[in-house]
Protein backbone atom coordinates (compact mmCIF):
# COMPACT_ATOMS: atom_id res chain seq x y z
CA MET A 1 33.83 -10.83 -20.55
CA THR A 2 33.61 -10.99 -16.76
CA PRO A 3 31.44 -13.56 -14.96
CA VAL A 4 28.97 -10.76 -14.24
CA THR A 5 28.61 -9.73 -17.88
CA ASP A 6 28.42 -13.41 -18.81
CA ALA A 7 25.51 -13.77 -16.38
CA LEU A 8 23.75 -10.71 -17.77
CA ALA A 9 24.18 -11.92 -21.33
CA LEU A 10 22.80 -15.34 -20.48
CA LEU A 11 19.94 -13.79 -18.57
CA LEU A 12 18.92 -11.50 -21.41
CA ARG A 13 19.24 -14.20 -24.06
CA GLY A 14 17.31 -16.64 -21.89
CA THR A 15 14.57 -14.08 -21.33
CA LEU A 16 14.22 -13.42 -25.05
CA GLY A 17 14.09 -17.13 -25.69
CA ASP A 18 14.77 -19.30 -28.71
CA GLU A 19 15.37 -22.99 -29.40
CA ALA A 20 18.32 -23.09 -26.99
CA SER A 21 16.72 -21.13 -24.15
CA ILE A 22 16.29 -24.20 -21.96
CA ALA A 23 19.98 -25.02 -22.23
CA ARG A 24 20.92 -21.43 -21.53
CA GLY A 25 18.64 -21.50 -18.50
CA ALA A 26 20.64 -24.44 -17.15
CA ASP A 27 23.88 -22.62 -17.98
CA LEU A 28 22.60 -19.51 -16.21
CA LEU A 29 21.66 -21.47 -13.09
CA ARG A 30 25.14 -22.98 -12.89
CA LEU A 31 26.75 -19.58 -13.42
CA VAL A 32 24.57 -17.95 -10.76
CA GLU A 33 25.46 -20.67 -8.28
CA ALA A 34 29.15 -20.12 -9.02
CA LEU A 35 28.82 -16.34 -8.70
CA GLY A 36 27.13 -16.78 -5.34
CA GLN A 37 30.34 -18.26 -3.99
CA ARG A 38 32.39 -15.19 -4.95
CA ARG A 39 31.25 -12.79 -2.28
CA ASP A 40 34.65 -11.05 -2.11
CA ASP A 41 34.53 -10.09 -5.79
CA ALA A 42 33.64 -6.38 -6.14
CA ASP A 43 31.88 -6.96 -9.47
CA VAL A 44 29.78 -9.75 -7.98
CA ARG A 45 28.78 -7.58 -5.03
CA ALA A 46 27.84 -4.74 -7.39
CA PHE A 47 25.80 -7.16 -9.50
CA ALA A 48 23.99 -8.42 -6.39
CA GLY A 49 23.17 -4.83 -5.45
CA PHE A 50 21.81 -4.20 -8.94
CA CYS A 51 19.64 -7.32 -8.68
CA ARG A 52 18.18 -6.16 -5.38
CA LEU A 53 17.40 -2.73 -6.82
CA PHE A 54 15.89 -4.27 -9.93
CA LEU A 55 13.67 -6.58 -7.88
CA ARG A 56 12.38 -3.65 -5.82
CA ALA A 57 11.61 -1.71 -8.99
CA PHE A 58 10.01 -4.77 -10.61
CA GLU A 59 7.80 -5.22 -7.54
CA ASN A 60 6.78 -1.53 -7.67
CA CYS A 61 8.55 -0.22 -4.58
CA ASN A 62 7.34 3.25 -5.52
CA TYR A 63 5.63 5.82 -3.30
CA ASP A 64 4.88 8.38 -6.03
CA MET A 65 1.09 8.44 -6.38
CA ALA A 66 1.33 9.65 -9.97
CA THR A 67 3.30 6.61 -11.14
CA ASN A 68 2.79 3.74 -8.66
CA GLY A 69 -0.84 2.97 -9.52
CA GLU A 70 -2.67 5.08 -6.93
CA ALA A 71 -3.68 7.74 -9.44
CA TRP A 72 -4.53 4.99 -11.96
CA LEU A 73 -6.80 3.30 -9.40
CA LEU A 74 -8.70 6.52 -8.72
CA GLY A 75 -9.08 7.09 -12.45
CA CYS A 76 -10.52 3.60 -12.93
CA LEU A 77 -13.05 4.16 -10.16
CA ALA A 78 -14.10 7.61 -11.37
CA PRO A 79 -16.68 6.38 -13.95
CA LEU A 80 -18.45 4.48 -11.16
CA ARG A 81 -19.04 7.81 -9.38
CA PRO A 82 -17.93 6.95 -5.84
CA ARG A 83 -19.77 8.93 -3.18
CA VAL A 84 -17.80 8.27 0.02
CA VAL A 85 -14.01 7.98 0.30
CA LEU A 86 -12.02 7.64 3.52
CA ASP A 87 -8.37 8.69 3.66
CA VAL A 88 -6.95 7.16 6.85
CA GLY A 89 -3.47 8.48 7.49
CA ALA A 90 -4.01 11.54 5.32
CA ASN A 91 -0.83 13.35 6.39
CA VAL A 92 -0.90 16.82 4.75
CA GLY A 93 -3.62 15.85 2.26
CA ASP A 94 -1.82 15.03 -0.98
CA TRP A 95 -3.86 11.87 -1.62
CA SER A 96 -7.09 13.56 -0.50
CA ALA A 97 -6.45 16.38 -2.95
CA LEU A 98 -5.84 13.89 -5.77
CA ALA A 99 -9.01 12.00 -4.86
CA ALA A 100 -11.01 15.24 -4.79
CA ALA A 101 -9.75 16.17 -8.25
CA THR A 102 -10.35 12.71 -9.72
CA LEU A 103 -13.67 11.92 -8.02
CA PRO A 104 -15.65 15.17 -8.19
CA GLY A 105 -18.82 13.67 -6.74
CA ALA A 106 -17.20 12.06 -3.71
CA ALA A 107 -17.23 13.27 -0.12
CA ILE A 108 -13.73 12.67 1.25
CA HIS A 109 -13.20 12.09 4.96
CA ALA A 110 -9.54 12.51 5.90
CA PHE A 111 -7.97 11.47 9.21
CA GLU A 112 -4.63 12.70 10.57
CA ILE A 113 -3.53 11.68 14.02
CA VAL A 114 -0.54 14.02 14.67
CA PRO A 115 -1.69 17.53 15.73
CA ASP A 116 1.05 19.48 13.90
CA THR A 117 0.43 17.54 10.69
CA PHE A 118 -3.33 17.87 11.08
CA ARG A 119 -3.07 21.66 11.03
CA ARG A 120 -1.47 21.45 7.59
CA LEU A 121 -4.16 19.01 6.46
CA GLN A 122 -6.83 21.38 7.75
CA GLN A 123 -5.39 24.24 5.69
CA ARG A 124 -5.28 22.01 2.62
CA ALA A 125 -8.86 20.90 3.15
CA ALA A 126 -10.03 24.51 3.46
CA ALA A 127 -8.35 25.32 0.15
CA LEU A 128 -10.36 22.52 -1.48
CA GLY A 129 -13.60 24.33 -0.74
CA GLY A 130 -15.19 21.89 1.68
CA ARG A 131 -14.65 18.78 -0.48
CA VAL A 132 -12.54 17.21 2.28
CA VAL A 133 -13.69 16.71 5.87
CA ALA A 134 -10.52 16.89 7.98
CA ASN A 135 -10.61 14.91 11.24
CA PRO A 136 -8.01 15.57 13.99
CA PHE A 137 -7.72 11.96 15.10
CA GLY A 138 -6.78 8.57 13.78
CA LEU A 139 -8.75 5.40 13.29
CA SER A 140 -7.91 2.21 15.14
CA ASP A 141 -9.58 -0.84 16.67
CA ARG A 142 -10.95 1.13 19.63
CA ALA A 143 -11.49 4.59 21.04
CA GLY A 144 -8.79 6.13 23.22
CA GLU A 145 -5.24 7.36 22.87
CA VAL A 146 -2.14 5.83 21.31
CA GLU A 147 1.52 6.81 21.52
CA VAL A 148 2.79 7.96 18.12
CA ASN A 149 6.48 8.17 17.24
CA VAL A 150 6.93 11.42 15.31
CA VAL A 151 9.98 12.07 13.13
CA PRO A 152 10.43 15.87 13.23
CA ASP A 153 11.71 16.31 9.68
CA ASP A 154 9.40 13.88 7.88
CA SER A 155 5.71 13.72 8.77
CA THR A 156 5.20 10.69 6.52
CA LEU A 157 7.17 8.49 8.96
CA SER A 158 4.97 9.05 12.03
CA SER A 159 3.78 5.72 13.39
CA VAL A 160 2.65 3.83 16.43
CA VAL A 161 5.52 1.51 15.49
CA LYS A 162 9.08 2.76 16.02
CA LEU A 163 10.19 2.30 12.44
CA HIS A 164 13.29 4.48 12.18
CA GLU A 165 16.43 5.26 14.11
CA ALA A 166 16.05 8.98 13.46
CA ALA A 167 15.46 11.13 16.51
CA THR A 168 11.77 11.04 17.38
CA ARG A 169 9.42 12.41 19.95
CA THR A 170 6.42 10.56 21.29
CA VAL A 171 3.00 12.21 21.17
CA ALA A 172 -0.23 10.93 22.73
CA CYS A 173 -2.85 11.07 19.97
CA PRO A 174 -6.60 10.32 19.90
CA VAL A 175 -8.15 7.45 17.95
CA MET A 176 -11.59 6.02 17.44
CA ALA A 177 -12.97 2.90 15.78
CA GLY A 178 -13.98 3.19 12.14
CA ASP A 179 -17.40 1.68 12.78
CA ASP A 180 -18.08 4.37 15.37
CA TYR A 181 -17.07 7.08 12.92
CA LEU A 182 -19.42 5.71 10.26
CA ASP A 183 -22.25 5.73 12.79
CA ARG A 184 -21.45 9.28 13.91
CA ALA A 185 -21.17 10.60 10.35
CA GLY A 186 -24.25 8.74 9.14
CA ILE A 187 -22.29 6.87 6.45
CA GLU A 188 -24.03 3.75 5.17
CA ARG A 189 -21.51 2.68 2.54
CA VAL A 190 -17.86 3.39 1.80
CA ASP A 191 -16.81 3.22 -1.84
CA LEU A 192 -13.08 3.43 -1.16
CA LEU A 193 -11.15 3.05 2.09
CA LYS A 194 -7.51 4.06 1.72
CA ILE A 195 -5.23 3.18 4.66
CA ASP A 196 -1.66 4.48 4.98
CA VAL A 197 -0.74 4.40 8.66
CA GLU A 198 2.81 3.05 8.69
CA GLY A 199 2.24 -0.38 10.16
CA ALA A 200 -1.12 0.01 11.93
CA GLU A 201 -3.28 -0.93 8.93
CA HIS A 202 -4.49 -4.11 10.68
CA LEU A 203 -5.78 -2.05 13.60
CA VAL A 204 -7.71 0.24 11.28
CA LEU A 205 -9.33 -2.75 9.59
CA ALA A 206 -10.24 -4.24 12.97
CA GLY A 207 -12.08 -1.03 13.80
CA PHE A 208 -14.29 -1.55 10.73
CA ALA A 209 -15.27 -5.09 11.73
CA ARG A 210 -19.03 -4.46 11.55
CA ALA A 211 -18.91 -2.57 8.26
CA LEU A 212 -16.63 -5.18 6.67
CA GLY A 213 -18.78 -8.03 7.88
CA ALA A 214 -21.89 -6.36 6.45
CA GLY A 215 -20.27 -5.74 3.05
CA ARG A 216 -20.46 -1.97 3.41
CA ILE A 217 -16.92 -1.20 2.17
CA ASP A 218 -16.37 -1.93 -1.51
CA VAL A 219 -12.68 -1.20 -2.16
CA ILE A 220 -9.76 -1.08 0.27
CA GLN A 221 -6.29 0.20 -0.54
CA PHE A 222 -3.76 -0.62 2.19
CA GLU A 223 -0.02 -0.52 2.66
CA TYR A 224 2.16 -3.54 3.36
CA GLY A 225 5.93 -3.32 3.72
CA GLN A 226 8.84 -3.36 6.11
CA ALA A 227 6.71 -2.12 9.01
CA ASN A 228 5.02 -5.52 8.94
CA ILE A 229 8.29 -7.13 10.00
CA LEU A 230 7.95 -5.29 13.30
CA THR A 231 4.20 -5.71 13.73
CA LYS A 232 4.39 -9.38 12.72
CA VAL A 233 1.19 -8.94 10.70
CA LEU A 234 1.89 -10.71 7.44
CA LEU A 235 0.42 -10.39 3.97
CA HIS A 236 -0.94 -13.87 4.63
CA ASP A 237 -3.04 -12.43 7.47
CA TYR A 238 -4.56 -9.80 5.20
CA HIS A 239 -5.38 -12.38 2.54
CA GLN A 240 -6.91 -14.74 5.08
CA GLU A 241 -9.03 -12.11 6.81
CA LEU A 242 -10.22 -10.24 3.73
CA GLU A 243 -10.89 -13.29 1.57
CA ALA A 244 -13.02 -14.75 4.37
CA LEU A 245 -15.05 -11.53 4.25
CA GLY A 246 -15.70 -11.86 0.51
CA TYR A 247 -12.84 -9.84 -0.96
CA VAL A 248 -10.29 -10.58 -3.64
CA VAL A 249 -6.83 -9.21 -2.90
CA GLY A 250 -4.13 -8.06 -5.28
CA LYS A 251 -0.98 -6.01 -5.47
CA LEU A 252 -1.19 -2.55 -7.02
CA PHE A 253 1.11 -1.88 -9.98
CA PRO A 254 1.36 1.27 -12.14
CA ALA A 255 -1.54 0.33 -14.44
CA ARG A 256 -3.00 -2.89 -13.09
CA ILE A 257 -3.81 -4.88 -9.99
CA ASP A 258 -2.36 -8.37 -9.81
CA PHE A 259 -5.24 -10.21 -8.13
CA ARG A 260 -3.71 -13.49 -7.09
CA ALA A 261 -3.89 -16.36 -4.65
CA TYR A 262 -1.47 -15.94 -1.78
CA ARG A 263 1.91 -17.64 -2.02
CA THR A 264 4.70 -17.46 0.54
CA GLU A 265 7.06 -15.83 -1.98
CA HIS A 266 4.76 -12.79 -1.99
CA GLU A 267 5.87 -12.17 1.61
CA ASP A 268 8.74 -9.91 0.49
CA PHE A 269 7.99 -6.77 2.57
CA ILE A 270 8.70 -4.64 -0.51
CA GLY A 271 5.27 -3.01 -0.57
CA PRO A 272 3.86 -0.55 -1.02
CA ASN A 273 0.14 -0.97 -1.82
CA PHE A 274 -2.41 -3.74 -2.06
CA VAL A 275 -6.06 -3.53 -3.04
CA ALA A 276 -9.02 -5.58 -1.87
CA VAL A 277 -12.35 -5.54 -3.76
CA ARG A 278 -15.63 -7.18 -2.78
CA ARG A 279 -16.27 -10.12 -5.09
CA ALA A 280 -19.89 -9.04 -5.36
CA ARG A 281 -18.86 -5.79 -7.07
CA ASP A 282 -18.52 -7.12 -10.60
CA ASP A 283 -18.64 -3.57 -11.95
CA VAL A 284 -15.65 -2.51 -9.88
CA LEU A 285 -13.68 -5.59 -10.85
CA ALA A 286 -14.51 -4.94 -14.50
CA ALA A 287 -13.38 -1.33 -14.20
CA LEU A 288 -10.07 -2.59 -12.81
CA GLY A 289 -9.64 -5.07 -15.64
CA ALA A 290 -10.21 -8.11 -13.42
CA SER A 291 -13.44 -9.52 -14.84
C-alpha cells in the first residue's frame, strides 16, 4: 500500500470507530503530518486535491437549487403560507419561478439590475401569469446608480465587485433602498427575503435597516462565498449584525439548516447559502426542524 492508501484506510477505520479508534487517530495524525512533507509526490498532491474537493462537497458548495437546500427551504415554508417574497438578484427568474410554484399564495417581487438580463426576467414573469412582479433595478443601501461588471457569456456572474478575470463590460445600473421599496409597494411584512447579488449582500441588508430593526422580515436567505474575500465582509459580520437584530443564523444544507454559534473555522468562503430566522418566529423554526 502507498502512504496515500494507508492514510485513507486509517481515516475510514477511524471514522467507523472501534476499541482502537483512538490509537488509529494518533496514527493517522502522524501519517498526515508525514504526508504533508511530501509535496513533490504526485500521489500526495492528488490526495490533497481530493481532500479539497471532498471538503467543498461536504460543506455544500452546490449552486443547484434542486439539491443544495433552496428547494427544501421553500418546501418547509410552504405550509406556513408566506404572502410576500423578495428575490433580490433574480437574474432570469429561475428561483422566482420555483418560489411561485412552491408558494402558490405568495406575491413574489423580483429585482434584476442588468437591463439585458432584466428583459429575460420580464418575459419569464409574464409567463407566470402575474405571480412575479419584475423590477428593473437592484436593491442597495441607497438610491442612485452603481457600476456593475457584466460577464457577457454568464449573467449569473454580474456584480458590483470585479470577481472574475473574464472579459467584462461595465454598465451603470439603478438601485434603491429596500426600505423605500417596501414603502412604495405598501408592504408591511416580508416572509422571505432571498439575496443573491454576488458580493453586495451586505449593501442590500443595509437598505432594509428600518424593516430589520422593526422585525418586519422573518426569514433571510443570503449568499456568502469567495466574493466576501474581496468585499472584506466576513461571515462574522453577518452573525454579529443579524444576531443583534434578533435572528439566529445557520448554514443551508440539502435538507437542514445548521443553526450554530459563529466560530472562526466557519470562515471558509466555500458558501453558498446561509439562512437567518427571527427568534420570535417559533413556528418557522419548528418548520425548519430547529425547535
